[in-house]
Amino acid sequence: MRKQIGIGAVAVASALLLAGCSGGAAPEEEATAPEIVVWTDAEREQAVTDAAKAFEEETGAKVTLVQKNFEDLRNDFIAQVPTGEGPDITVGAHDWLGALVAAGVVDTIDLGDKAGEFEQVALDAMTYDGQLYALPYSLETIALIQNTDLVGTDAPATWDDLIQKGLAAGTERPFVINTNGETGDGYTMYGFQTSFGAPVFVQDESGSYTNEVGMGGAAGEAFAQWLGANGANGTGYLSTTVDYDINNELFNTGKAPYTIQGPWAISSFPDVNVAVNPIPSAGGQPAAPFVGVQGFYLSSQSKNALLAQDFLVNYLATEDAQRALYEADPRIPAWSTLAEEVASDPIIAGFLASAQNGVPMPSIPEMGSVWDFWNAAESQIINGADPVSTWNTMITDLTAALAG
């Protein structure tokens, strides 16, 4: 990993670079400042611009910002970095990391002492094979959302506790969760799955995901049996008739006192006084939902890598810059003291607590092969298929697909 580069070192490096290139150059060429190019989207542009101004004033370097649509960033980065036309830095999501590493377009970074300022789950998300590849800045996850007028603010400790309180509320349903209709939704159900000790992939000692499927065996079978027990042939608390919009409507109209959703759904509940808490355990172990992280990647082909590293570590990895990013696009900050500050809002505090229990969604390339098998198996089990055989068939088929 690269060591942290201070401002003075970068200034010396820049001066030597310019001196070495000046030779018989014209005066205007001698005065050309080194430049780094940063790709960002509209939401983050102003916050990055503010950090860039301080960087330019203190180093004499130039920062050029290019605004792009967020959905275009990953593919454009992978396509353009090898040609030399890509940026030095791009904003991006952590689940791009496996594809970016496989394409050879990102470099490692070293935050030095700054690493201690960030939530550990955010650093883990940006780590691949034990190496940190991006500066994190925000977190998002799902959590238990409850109607305080119906069930109060106290967090249920277990699934059984949740159901008992939900039934006591006397509503149409004690609980509702999005299954994406007949498609299945392993993402939203994952906190319950991990509470059985059945992670989608095994993590190594560094926290990096391996390509070993972790949701087979007795733990996975126990989760599958729980799905079946609460599906169409059981209690019916889980239903494939519920998609995202139906889920939100049932909760907002008071027909269910509990749901599991992300912060993006809060605006869908204008008629409800809500509290947000971590997801309760269904299987006896802590419920660990997926956490999504966003941050800034360093190009492996950066022509001014020292400058780009300096900008990341000493100008974007500051409380002021992280605050500006939060204000521009309010997601849970990855900067710990700022996260604690904004958690004075109890809704944010609930999502932060859930994220602190959570795990990064795997960024390894193999994750792309998981969703169809996994979602379909969950949907089939909820609809009444035999839990153990359906789950084990999914594990067999997924393992074969990964091996192929």
Protein backbone atom coordinates (compact mmCIF):
# COMPACT_ATOMS: atom_id res chain seq x y z
CA MET A 1 0.00 0.00 0.00
CA ARG A 2 1.19 3.51 -0.63
CA LYS A 3 2.33 5.52 2.36
CA GLN A 4 0.60 8.77 3.22
CA ILE A 5 2.09 11.65 1.28
CA GLY A 6 2.31 15.02 3.01
CA ILE A 7 1.85 18.41 1.35
CA GLY A 8 5.55 19.19 1.50
CA ALA A 9 6.52 15.97 -0.20
CA VAL A 10 4.03 16.56 -2.96
CA ALA A 11 5.29 20.09 -3.47
CA VAL A 12 8.87 18.82 -3.78
CA ALA A 13 7.79 16.04 -6.13
CA SER A 14 5.88 18.51 -8.25
CA ALA A 15 8.82 20.91 -8.37
CA LEU A 16 11.20 18.12 -9.43
CA LEU A 17 8.74 16.98 -12.06
CA LEU A 18 8.47 20.44 -13.51
CA ALA A 19 12.21 21.03 -13.31
CA GLY A 20 12.96 17.75 -15.00
CA CYS A 21 10.61 18.58 -17.84
CA SER A 22 11.61 22.22 -18.29
CA GLY A 23 14.91 21.82 -20.22
CA GLY A 24 14.55 24.19 -23.11
CA ALA A 25 10.84 24.68 -22.58
CA ALA A 26 9.17 28.00 -23.10
CA PRO A 27 8.38 30.08 -19.98
CA GLU A 28 4.65 29.42 -20.24
CA GLU A 29 5.33 25.65 -20.27
CA GLU A 30 7.53 25.96 -17.17
CA ALA A 31 4.63 27.56 -15.31
CA THR A 32 2.14 24.79 -16.09
CA ALA A 33 0.78 23.39 -12.84
CA PRO A 34 0.32 19.66 -12.35
CA GLU A 35 -3.30 18.60 -12.63
CA ILE A 36 -5.61 15.93 -11.30
CA VAL A 37 -9.01 15.15 -12.79
CA VAL A 38 -11.90 14.11 -10.56
CA TRP A 39 -15.13 12.57 -11.79
CA THR A 40 -18.18 13.33 -9.67
CA ASP A 41 -21.93 13.57 -10.00
CA ALA A 42 -24.11 16.63 -9.52
CA GLU A 43 -24.89 15.90 -5.85
CA ARG A 44 -21.25 15.74 -4.75
CA GLU A 45 -19.78 18.33 -7.13
CA GLN A 46 -19.93 21.42 -4.90
CA ALA A 47 -18.47 19.63 -1.87
CA VAL A 48 -15.56 18.31 -3.95
CA THR A 49 -15.11 21.77 -5.49
CA ASP A 50 -14.70 23.32 -2.04
CA ALA A 51 -12.04 20.78 -1.05
CA ALA A 52 -10.31 21.32 -4.38
CA LYS A 53 -10.03 25.09 -3.81
CA ALA A 54 -8.06 24.58 -0.59
CA PHE A 55 -5.90 21.96 -2.28
CA GLU A 56 -5.11 24.26 -5.21
CA GLU A 57 -4.23 27.18 -2.91
CA GLU A 58 -1.90 25.12 -0.75
CA THR A 59 -0.17 22.96 -3.37
CA GLY A 60 -0.28 25.05 -6.54
CA ALA A 61 -1.77 22.06 -8.35
CA LYS A 62 -4.94 22.21 -10.42
CA VAL A 63 -8.08 20.12 -9.90
CA THR A 64 -10.44 19.69 -12.83
CA LEU A 65 -13.89 18.37 -11.99
CA VAL A 66 -15.95 16.52 -14.58
CA GLN A 67 -19.64 16.03 -13.74
CA LYS A 68 -21.15 12.76 -14.95
CA ASN A 69 -24.32 10.81 -14.34
CA PHE A 70 -23.70 8.45 -11.44
CA GLU A 71 -25.03 5.45 -13.38
CA ASP A 72 -22.39 6.04 -16.08
CA LEU A 73 -19.37 6.32 -13.82
CA ARG A 74 -18.41 2.68 -13.35
CA ASN A 75 -18.57 1.60 -16.98
CA ASP A 76 -16.90 4.78 -18.20
CA PHE A 77 -14.13 4.42 -15.63
CA ILE A 78 -13.43 0.82 -16.62
CA ALA A 79 -13.45 1.74 -20.31
CA GLN A 80 -11.39 4.93 -20.19
CA VAL A 81 -8.72 4.37 -17.54
CA PRO A 82 -6.76 1.85 -19.68
CA THR A 83 -6.73 4.32 -22.59
CA GLY A 84 -5.22 7.10 -20.49
CA GLU A 85 -8.36 9.20 -20.90
CA GLY A 86 -9.88 8.43 -17.51
CA PRO A 87 -9.71 10.56 -14.36
CA ASP A 88 -7.27 10.36 -11.47
CA ILE A 89 -10.16 9.95 -8.99
CA THR A 90 -13.81 8.99 -9.29
CA VAL A 91 -16.66 8.85 -6.81
CA GLY A 92 -18.34 5.45 -6.72
CA ALA A 93 -20.08 2.70 -4.77
CA HIS A 94 -18.23 -0.01 -2.88
CA ASP A 95 -19.92 -2.86 -4.71
CA TRP A 96 -18.11 -1.79 -7.88
CA LEU A 97 -14.81 -2.74 -6.27
CA GLY A 98 -14.51 -6.32 -7.47
CA ALA A 99 -15.12 -5.32 -11.08
CA LEU A 100 -12.68 -2.39 -10.81
CA VAL A 101 -9.94 -4.59 -9.34
CA ALA A 102 -10.54 -7.29 -11.95
CA ALA A 103 -10.23 -4.67 -14.67
CA GLY A 104 -6.99 -3.36 -13.15
CA VAL A 105 -8.21 0.23 -13.07
CA VAL A 106 -7.89 1.09 -9.36
CA ASP A 107 -4.92 1.51 -7.05
CA THR A 108 -4.60 1.02 -3.31
CA ILE A 109 -4.57 3.96 -0.93
CA ASP A 110 -3.16 4.38 2.58
CA LEU A 111 -5.11 6.53 5.02
CA GLY A 112 -2.43 6.26 7.70
CA ASP A 113 -3.72 7.56 11.04
CA LYS A 114 -6.85 8.86 9.30
CA ALA A 115 -8.17 5.29 9.11
CA GLY A 116 -9.14 5.54 12.78
CA GLU A 117 -11.58 8.34 11.96
CA PHE A 118 -13.86 6.11 9.88
CA GLU A 119 -16.52 3.54 10.75
CA GLN A 120 -14.92 0.11 10.47
CA VAL A 121 -17.68 -1.26 8.26
CA ALA A 122 -16.94 1.53 5.75
CA LEU A 123 -13.24 0.60 5.61
CA ASP A 124 -14.12 -3.09 5.32
CA ALA A 125 -16.40 -2.32 2.38
CA MET A 126 -13.61 -0.58 0.49
CA THR A 127 -11.11 -3.39 1.22
CA TYR A 128 -10.37 -6.18 -1.26
CA ASP A 129 -7.92 -9.01 -0.54
CA GLY A 130 -6.77 -7.10 2.51
CA GLN A 131 -5.98 -3.89 0.59
CA LEU A 132 -7.84 -0.58 0.91
CA TYR A 133 -8.86 0.76 -2.50
CA ALA A 134 -11.00 3.82 -1.76
CA LEU A 135 -11.70 6.62 0.66
CA PRO A 136 -15.17 5.98 2.14
CA TYR A 137 -17.52 8.80 2.95
CA SER A 138 -21.09 7.49 3.42
CA LEU A 139 -23.08 4.49 4.61
CA GLU A 140 -26.59 3.23 4.02
CA THR A 141 -28.46 0.19 5.21
CA ILE A 142 -31.89 -1.09 6.09
CA ALA A 143 -33.37 -1.26 9.58
CA LEU A 144 -36.56 -2.04 11.47
CA ILE A 145 -39.06 0.79 11.17
CA GLN A 146 -41.97 0.83 13.59
CA ASN A 147 -45.16 2.81 14.07
CA THR A 148 -44.72 4.34 17.51
CA ASP A 149 -48.44 5.03 17.92
CA LEU A 150 -49.09 1.29 17.63
CA VAL A 151 -46.06 -0.39 19.26
CA GLY A 152 -44.08 2.35 20.99
CA THR A 153 -40.39 3.08 20.50
CA ASP A 154 -38.76 0.11 22.23
CA ALA A 155 -36.87 -2.19 19.91
CA PRO A 156 -38.00 -5.82 19.87
CA ALA A 157 -35.06 -8.05 20.74
CA THR A 158 -36.12 -11.05 18.69
CA TRP A 159 -38.40 -12.03 15.83
CA ASP A 160 -40.80 -13.68 18.28
CA ASP A 161 -40.90 -10.52 20.37
CA LEU A 162 -41.65 -8.45 17.25
CA ILE A 163 -44.49 -10.75 16.22
CA GLN A 164 -46.03 -10.79 19.70
CA LYS A 165 -46.02 -6.99 19.85
CA GLY A 166 -47.32 -6.78 16.30
CA LEU A 167 -50.21 -9.12 17.07
CA ALA A 168 -51.03 -7.19 20.23
CA ALA A 169 -51.37 -4.03 18.13
CA GLY A 170 -54.46 -5.57 16.54
CA THR A 171 -53.56 -4.53 12.99
CA GLU A 172 -54.27 -6.42 9.77
CA ARG A 173 -50.73 -7.82 9.81
CA PRO A 174 -48.18 -7.90 12.65
CA PHE A 175 -45.30 -7.21 10.25
CA VAL A 176 -44.72 -6.57 6.56
CA ILE A 177 -41.56 -6.94 4.45
CA ASN A 178 -40.88 -6.40 0.77
CA THR A 179 -40.23 -9.68 -1.05
CA ASN A 180 -40.14 -7.94 -4.42
CA GLY A 181 -43.31 -9.85 -5.21
CA GLU A 182 -42.70 -13.24 -6.77
CA THR A 183 -39.09 -12.35 -7.59
CA GLY A 184 -37.73 -12.64 -4.05
CA ASP A 185 -35.53 -10.15 -2.22
CA GLY A 186 -32.46 -11.62 -0.55
CA TYR A 187 -31.16 -8.11 0.11
CA THR A 188 -34.02 -7.08 2.39
CA MET A 189 -34.22 -10.51 4.06
CA TYR A 190 -30.45 -10.72 4.69
CA GLY A 191 -30.48 -9.48 8.30
CA PHE A 192 -32.72 -12.40 9.25
CA GLN A 193 -30.51 -14.81 7.27
CA THR A 194 -27.30 -13.74 8.98
CA SER A 195 -28.96 -14.17 12.36
CA PHE A 196 -28.89 -17.91 11.56
CA GLY A 197 -25.14 -17.73 10.83
CA ALA A 198 -25.55 -18.16 7.06
CA PRO A 199 -23.59 -15.42 5.24
CA VAL A 200 -23.80 -15.31 1.48
CA PHE A 201 -20.00 -15.67 1.18
CA VAL A 202 -17.35 -16.52 3.77
CA GLN A 203 -15.12 -13.66 4.93
CA ASP A 204 -11.41 -14.21 5.67
CA GLU A 205 -9.46 -12.89 8.66
CA SER A 206 -8.97 -9.49 6.99
CA GLY A 207 -12.72 -9.11 6.50
CA SER A 208 -12.44 -9.58 2.74
CA TYR A 209 -14.97 -11.88 1.09
CA THR A 210 -13.79 -15.14 -0.40
CA ASN A 211 -15.66 -16.90 -3.22
CA GLU A 212 -16.70 -19.70 -0.85
CA VAL A 213 -20.49 -19.82 -0.52
CA GLY A 214 -21.31 -19.45 3.18
CA MET A 215 -25.05 -20.06 3.25
CA GLY A 216 -25.07 -23.81 2.81
CA GLY A 217 -25.14 -26.49 5.48
CA ALA A 218 -27.17 -26.60 8.68
CA ALA A 219 -27.28 -22.81 9.16
CA GLY A 220 -28.68 -22.19 5.71
CA GLU A 221 -31.19 -25.00 6.11
CA ALA A 222 -32.36 -23.51 9.41
CA PHE A 223 -32.95 -20.16 7.74
CA ALA A 224 -34.83 -21.87 4.90
CA GLN A 225 -37.04 -23.66 7.41
CA TRP A 226 -37.78 -20.32 9.09
CA LEU A 227 -38.80 -18.88 5.72
CA GLY A 228 -41.13 -21.81 5.16
CA ALA A 229 -42.60 -21.63 8.66
CA ASN A 230 -43.50 -17.99 8.10
CA GLY A 231 -44.63 -18.35 4.49
CA ALA A 232 -47.78 -19.51 2.73
CA ASN A 233 -47.81 -22.94 4.43
CA GLY A 234 -47.11 -21.44 7.85
CA THR A 235 -47.97 -18.21 9.62
CA GLY A 236 -48.20 -16.20 6.38
CA TYR A 237 -46.20 -13.32 7.85
CA LEU A 238 -43.98 -13.46 4.74
CA SER A 239 -45.81 -13.14 1.44
CA THR A 240 -44.78 -12.88 -2.19
CA THR A 241 -47.79 -10.67 -2.82
CA VAL A 242 -45.82 -7.79 -1.27
CA ASP A 243 -43.59 -5.63 -3.44
CA TYR A 244 -41.90 -2.34 -2.53
CA ASP A 245 -44.95 -0.12 -3.10
CA ILE A 246 -47.43 -2.47 -1.41
CA ASN A 247 -45.08 -2.82 1.55
CA ASN A 248 -44.90 0.93 2.01
CA GLU A 249 -48.64 1.40 1.58
CA LEU A 250 -49.46 -1.24 4.21
CA PHE A 251 -47.13 0.37 6.70
CA ASN A 252 -48.14 3.95 5.96
CA THR A 253 -51.86 3.15 6.33
CA GLY A 254 -51.37 1.49 9.72
CA LYS A 255 -52.16 -2.04 8.52
CA ALA A 256 -48.79 -3.26 9.84
CA PRO A 257 -46.87 -1.76 12.78
CA TYR A 258 -43.42 -2.97 11.67
CA THR A 259 -41.50 -3.11 8.41
CA ILE A 260 -37.90 -3.32 7.25
CA GLN A 261 -36.79 -0.55 4.93
CA GLY A 262 -34.00 1.88 4.18
CA PRO A 263 -33.79 5.63 4.80
CA TRP A 264 -34.89 6.21 1.22
CA ALA A 265 -38.38 5.00 2.20
CA ILE A 266 -38.98 7.34 5.15
CA SER A 267 -40.62 9.94 2.92
CA SER A 268 -43.17 7.26 1.94
CA PHE A 269 -44.54 7.28 5.50
CA PRO A 270 -45.94 10.80 5.93
CA ASP A 271 -48.85 9.55 8.03
CA VAL A 272 -46.81 7.59 10.56
CA ASN A 273 -44.80 8.55 13.63
CA VAL A 274 -41.80 6.28 13.20
CA ALA A 275 -38.91 4.93 15.22
CA VAL A 276 -35.95 3.17 13.66
CA ASN A 277 -34.10 0.31 15.37
CA PRO A 278 -31.71 -2.51 14.46
CA ILE A 279 -33.27 -5.62 12.93
CA PRO A 280 -34.13 -8.22 15.59
CA SER A 281 -32.63 -11.68 15.50
CA ALA A 282 -34.66 -14.58 14.15
CA GLY A 283 -31.95 -17.23 14.46
CA GLY A 284 -30.23 -16.41 17.73
CA GLN A 285 -27.20 -14.58 16.32
CA PRO A 286 -27.00 -10.82 15.64
CA ALA A 287 -28.88 -9.68 12.53
CA ALA A 288 -26.31 -8.17 10.16
CA PRO A 289 -27.93 -6.46 7.16
CA PHE A 290 -26.00 -5.43 4.09
CA VAL A 291 -24.32 -2.04 4.27
CA GLY A 292 -23.67 0.02 1.15
CA VAL A 293 -20.75 2.45 1.14
CA GLN A 294 -19.81 5.24 -1.23
CA GLY A 295 -16.40 6.80 -1.58
CA PHE A 296 -13.59 7.90 -3.88
CA TYR A 297 -11.39 5.59 -5.96
CA LEU A 298 -7.84 6.28 -7.17
CA SER A 299 -7.05 5.34 -10.77
CA SER A 300 -4.24 2.83 -11.34
CA GLN A 301 -3.20 4.90 -14.36
CA SER A 302 -3.09 8.30 -12.66
CA LYS A 303 -0.28 10.41 -14.09
CA ASN A 304 -0.11 12.35 -10.82
CA ALA A 305 -0.78 9.60 -8.29
CA LEU A 306 1.09 11.36 -5.48
CA LEU A 307 -1.06 14.45 -5.88
CA ALA A 308 -4.24 12.41 -6.16
CA GLN A 309 -3.38 10.47 -3.00
CA ASP A 310 -2.64 13.73 -1.18
CA PHE A 311 -5.98 15.20 -2.24
CA LEU A 312 -7.84 12.13 -1.00
CA VAL A 313 -6.06 11.76 2.34
CA ASN A 314 -5.46 15.36 3.35
CA TYR A 315 -8.35 17.24 1.74
CA LEU A 316 -11.30 14.86 1.36
CA ALA A 317 -10.51 12.87 4.52
CA THR A 318 -11.19 15.82 6.82
CA GLU A 319 -14.19 16.57 8.99
CA ASP A 320 -14.98 19.74 7.02
CA ALA A 321 -14.95 17.94 3.67
CA GLN A 322 -16.92 15.01 5.04
CA ARG A 323 -19.48 17.42 6.50
CA ALA A 324 -19.82 19.18 3.15
CA LEU A 325 -20.39 15.84 1.43
CA TYR A 326 -23.05 14.95 4.00
CA GLU A 327 -24.82 18.27 3.55
CA ALA A 328 -24.75 17.87 -0.22
CA ASP A 329 -26.19 14.35 -0.17
CA PRO A 330 -27.44 13.37 3.32
CA ARG A 331 -26.40 9.77 3.86
CA ILE A 332 -24.97 8.42 7.10
CA PRO A 333 -21.39 9.74 7.27
CA ALA A 334 -18.56 7.23 7.34
CA TRP A 335 -16.55 9.74 9.42
CA SER A 336 -17.30 8.50 12.94
CA THR A 337 -17.54 11.77 14.90
CA LEU A 338 -19.75 13.28 12.22
CA ALA A 339 -21.93 10.15 12.22
CA GLU A 340 -22.37 10.50 15.96
CA GLU A 341 -23.25 14.17 15.56
CA VAL A 342 -25.95 13.67 12.94
CA ALA A 343 -27.27 10.73 14.97
CA SER A 344 -28.80 13.30 17.32
CA ASP A 345 -31.71 12.75 14.92
CA PRO A 346 -33.25 9.53 16.27
CA ILE A 347 -34.13 8.26 12.80
CA ILE A 348 -30.53 8.59 11.64
CA ALA A 349 -29.39 7.09 14.94
CA GLY A 350 -31.47 3.99 14.25
CA PHE A 351 -30.02 3.49 10.79
CA LEU A 352 -26.49 4.10 12.12
CA ALA A 353 -26.99 1.46 14.82
CA SER A 354 -28.21 -0.97 12.18
CA ALA A 355 -25.20 -0.18 9.96
CA GLN A 356 -22.83 -0.73 12.87
CA ASN A 357 -24.31 -4.23 13.24
CA GLY A 358 -24.09 -4.80 9.50
CA VAL A 359 -21.64 -6.15 6.95
CA PRO A 360 -20.61 -4.76 3.58
CA MET A 361 -22.50 -6.18 0.64
CA PRO A 362 -19.90 -8.37 -1.14
CA SER A 363 -18.08 -6.52 -3.89
CA ILE A 364 -16.45 -9.62 -5.35
CA PRO A 365 -17.33 -10.38 -9.00
CA GLU A 366 -19.01 -13.64 -7.95
CA MET A 367 -21.79 -11.69 -6.24
CA GLY A 368 -23.32 -10.94 -9.61
CA SER A 369 -24.08 -14.64 -10.05
CA VAL A 370 -25.87 -15.00 -6.73
CA TRP A 371 -29.01 -12.91 -6.97
CA ASP A 372 -31.16 -14.88 -9.40
CA PHE A 373 -30.57 -18.25 -7.69
CA TRP A 374 -30.90 -16.82 -4.17
CA ASN A 375 -33.97 -14.66 -4.74
CA ALA A 376 -35.81 -17.41 -6.59
CA ALA A 377 -35.18 -19.98 -3.85
CA GLU A 378 -36.46 -17.63 -1.16
CA SER A 379 -39.60 -16.85 -3.17
CA GLN A 380 -40.29 -20.54 -3.84
CA ILE A 381 -39.90 -21.44 -0.16
CA ILE A 382 -42.16 -18.61 0.99
CA ASN A 383 -44.73 -19.83 -1.55
CA GLY A 384 -44.70 -23.34 -0.07
CA ALA A 385 -41.84 -25.30 -1.68
CA ASP A 386 -39.95 -27.72 0.58
CA PRO A 387 -37.47 -25.50 2.44
CA VAL A 388 -34.46 -27.79 2.81
CA SER A 389 -34.45 -29.40 -0.64
CA THR A 390 -35.18 -26.07 -2.38
CA TRP A 391 -32.41 -24.33 -0.50
CA ASN A 392 -29.88 -27.09 -1.09
CA THR A 393 -30.71 -27.20 -4.80
CA MET A 394 -30.04 -23.46 -4.91
CA ILE A 395 -26.65 -23.95 -3.20
CA THR A 396 -25.73 -26.74 -5.65
CA ASP A 397 -26.76 -24.74 -8.71
CA LEU A 398 -25.04 -21.58 -7.46
CA THR A 399 -21.82 -23.44 -6.65
CA ALA A 400 -21.81 -24.98 -10.12
CA ALA A 401 -22.40 -21.58 -11.75
CA LEU A 402 -19.51 -20.07 -9.81
CA ALA A 403 -17.22 -22.96 -10.74
CA GLY A 404 -18.12 -22.62 -14.41
